[in-house]
Amino acid sequence: MTVRVQTEDFDVGFEINQFRKARNDIGAIVSFVGLVRDLNDGDAVSQLTLEHYPGMTEKSLAAIISQAKARWNIIEALIIHRVGTLQPSDQIVLVLVSSAHRGDAFAVCEFMMDYLKTEAPFWKKEATPQGEHWVEAKSADDVARERWNMKK
């Protein structure tokens, strides 16, 4: 299970190929790529800055993978999360999950994204025509995370 927090962009195709080459018992690989939007809550966004606490962030992401591994049968999981200043359409996050069957891979990918949105210690600042502001957590993200307390 791998966690990387980095400023550099990532190559989705390369990362998926690494997953495929790692094991012969993989039956499914599910991926999620999060991108910077140019519009958020009706405001034009010209850039997004992500801040974090090195060390603490990686431990938090590893804990999310550990929770998923304890609940589902997965072979491998990867979270790459970028930090620093990003532009609209830049990649922010990559989540990859491999398993013997697609059901577990899909569930874990969604579970990990729901937990990343609410549990991972990242702080987002958007630049808009009105100035810069910190992005507040959305209650919909908390609701999405809470549904996993009732599943599996």
Protein backbone atom coordinates (compact mmCIF):
# COMPACT_ATOMS: atom_id res chain seq x y z
CA MET A 1 0.00 0.00 0.00
CA THR A 2 1.49 3.30 -1.11
CA VAL A 3 0.97 6.94 -0.15
CA ARG A 4 2.71 9.86 -1.84
CA VAL A 5 2.23 13.57 -1.14
CA GLN A 6 4.02 15.61 -3.76
CA THR A 7 4.13 18.85 -5.71
CA GLU A 8 4.87 17.11 -9.02
CA ASP A 9 2.16 15.95 -11.40
CA PHE A 10 1.59 12.20 -11.85
CA ASP A 11 1.13 9.99 -14.90
CA VAL A 12 -2.06 7.96 -14.48
CA GLY A 13 -1.16 5.49 -17.24
CA PHE A 14 2.26 4.83 -15.72
CA GLU A 15 0.78 4.30 -12.24
CA ILE A 16 -1.86 1.86 -13.56
CA ASN A 17 0.79 -0.07 -15.50
CA GLN A 18 2.87 -0.38 -12.32
CA PHE A 19 -0.19 -1.87 -10.61
CA ARG A 20 -0.75 -4.33 -13.46
CA LYS A 21 2.86 -5.49 -13.46
CA ALA A 22 3.01 -5.99 -9.69
CA ARG A 23 0.80 -9.08 -9.45
CA ASN A 24 -0.83 -11.72 -11.64
CA ASP A 25 -3.87 -12.24 -9.41
CA ILE A 26 -5.42 -8.83 -10.10
CA GLY A 27 -8.88 -9.02 -11.65
CA ALA A 28 -9.79 -5.33 -11.40
CA ILE A 29 -8.16 -1.94 -11.07
CA VAL A 30 -10.37 1.04 -10.24
CA SER A 31 -9.06 4.58 -10.44
CA PHE A 32 -10.18 8.05 -9.48
CA VAL A 33 -8.51 11.24 -10.63
CA GLY A 34 -9.51 14.53 -9.00
CA LEU A 35 -8.97 17.76 -10.93
CA VAL A 36 -8.93 21.46 -10.08
CA ARG A 37 -12.19 23.04 -11.21
CA ASP A 38 -12.35 26.54 -12.64
CA LEU A 39 -15.63 27.18 -10.82
CA ASN A 40 -16.58 26.46 -7.20
CA ASP A 41 -19.84 27.48 -5.56
CA GLY A 42 -20.46 29.96 -8.38
CA ASP A 43 -17.05 31.67 -8.10
CA ALA A 44 -14.45 31.57 -10.87
CA VAL A 45 -11.27 29.95 -9.57
CA SER A 46 -7.95 30.98 -11.11
CA GLN A 47 -5.77 28.82 -8.83
CA LEU A 48 -5.92 26.49 -5.87
CA THR A 49 -3.25 26.21 -3.19
CA LEU A 50 -3.15 23.07 -1.06
CA GLU A 51 -1.24 23.05 2.22
CA HIS A 52 -0.55 20.16 4.59
CA TYR A 53 1.54 19.03 7.56
CA PRO A 54 4.31 16.75 6.25
CA GLY A 55 4.44 13.47 8.12
CA MET A 56 1.00 13.88 9.65
CA THR A 57 -0.65 13.91 6.24
CA GLU A 58 1.07 10.72 5.07
CA LYS A 59 0.08 8.94 8.30
CA SER A 60 -3.52 10.02 7.83
CA LEU A 61 -3.61 8.74 4.24
CA ALA A 62 -2.00 5.46 5.27
CA ALA A 63 -4.66 5.08 7.98
CA ILE A 64 -7.40 5.47 5.35
CA ILE A 65 -5.84 2.67 3.30
CA SER A 66 -5.52 0.50 6.44
CA GLN A 67 -9.22 0.99 7.23
CA ALA A 68 -10.14 -0.02 3.68
CA LYS A 69 -7.87 -3.06 3.76
CA ALA A 70 -9.48 -4.21 7.03
CA ARG A 71 -12.98 -3.99 5.51
CA TRP A 72 -12.53 -5.30 1.96
CA ASN A 73 -10.44 -7.82 0.06
CA ILE A 74 -8.04 -5.66 -1.90
CA ILE A 75 -4.66 -6.47 -3.32
CA GLU A 76 -3.09 -3.04 -3.54
CA ALA A 77 -4.00 0.61 -3.00
CA LEU A 78 -2.29 3.85 -3.93
CA ILE A 79 -3.03 7.45 -2.99
CA ILE A 80 -1.09 10.26 -4.63
CA HIS A 81 -2.10 13.72 -3.45
CA ARG A 82 -0.55 16.91 -4.73
CA VAL A 83 0.18 20.00 -2.67
CA GLY A 84 1.29 23.49 -3.63
CA THR A 85 -0.26 25.87 -6.14
CA LEU A 86 -2.35 24.31 -8.92
CA GLN A 87 -4.25 25.68 -11.90
CA PRO A 88 -7.71 24.74 -13.24
CA SER A 89 -7.66 21.30 -14.90
CA ASP A 90 -4.48 20.25 -13.01
CA GLN A 91 -4.61 16.82 -11.39
CA ILE A 92 -4.90 16.93 -7.60
CA VAL A 93 -5.38 13.36 -6.46
CA LEU A 94 -5.07 9.82 -7.78
CA VAL A 95 -6.57 6.83 -6.01
CA LEU A 96 -5.92 3.36 -7.41
CA VAL A 97 -7.28 0.12 -5.98
CA SER A 98 -6.69 -3.40 -7.21
CA SER A 99 -8.57 -6.51 -6.18
CA ALA A 100 -9.54 -9.91 -7.50
CA HIS A 101 -13.05 -8.65 -8.31
CA ARG A 102 -14.46 -5.26 -9.32
CA GLY A 103 -16.98 -4.89 -6.47
CA ASP A 104 -14.38 -4.49 -3.75
CA ALA A 105 -12.20 -2.25 -5.92
CA PHE A 106 -15.08 0.13 -6.69
CA ALA A 107 -16.23 0.24 -3.05
CA VAL A 108 -12.73 0.90 -1.70
CA CYS A 109 -12.01 3.63 -4.23
CA GLU A 110 -15.20 5.46 -3.27
CA PHE A 111 -14.63 4.84 0.45
CA MET A 112 -11.10 6.24 0.27
CA MET A 113 -12.21 9.37 -1.60
CA ASP A 114 -15.01 10.01 0.90
CA TYR A 115 -12.51 9.72 3.76
CA LEU A 116 -9.88 11.81 1.94
CA LYS A 117 -12.38 14.67 1.62
CA THR A 118 -13.15 14.66 5.34
CA GLU A 119 -10.25 13.10 7.26
CA ALA A 120 -7.07 14.04 5.40
CA PRO A 121 -5.30 17.11 6.79
CA PHE A 122 -5.21 19.32 3.70
CA TRP A 123 -6.13 22.99 3.61
CA LYS A 124 -7.32 24.57 0.38
CA LYS A 125 -7.12 28.21 -0.57
CA GLU A 126 -8.81 29.43 -3.75
CA ALA A 127 -7.92 32.52 -5.75
CA THR A 128 -11.04 34.16 -7.23
CA PRO A 129 -11.79 37.60 -8.72
CA GLN A 130 -12.96 38.61 -5.20
CA GLY A 131 -9.61 37.61 -3.68
CA GLU A 132 -8.19 34.58 -1.92
CA HIS A 133 -10.18 32.57 0.63
CA TRP A 134 -9.89 29.28 2.49
CA VAL A 135 -12.31 26.60 1.33
CA GLU A 136 -14.67 25.43 4.05
CA ALA A 137 -15.58 21.76 4.45
CA LYS A 138 -18.89 20.79 2.89
CA SER A 139 -21.56 19.01 4.92
CA ALA A 140 -22.27 16.80 1.89
CA ASP A 141 -18.75 15.35 2.26
CA ASP A 142 -19.48 14.45 5.89
CA VAL A 143 -22.75 12.78 4.85
CA ALA A 144 -20.91 10.78 2.16
CA ARG A 145 -18.35 9.60 4.71
CA GLU A 146 -20.97 8.69 7.31
CA ARG A 147 -22.77 6.28 4.99
CA TRP A 148 -19.73 3.97 5.27
CA ASN A 149 -20.44 3.53 9.00
CA MET A 150 -23.56 1.61 8.01
CA LYS A 151 -22.02 -0.50 5.23
CA LYS A 152 -20.05 -3.69 5.43
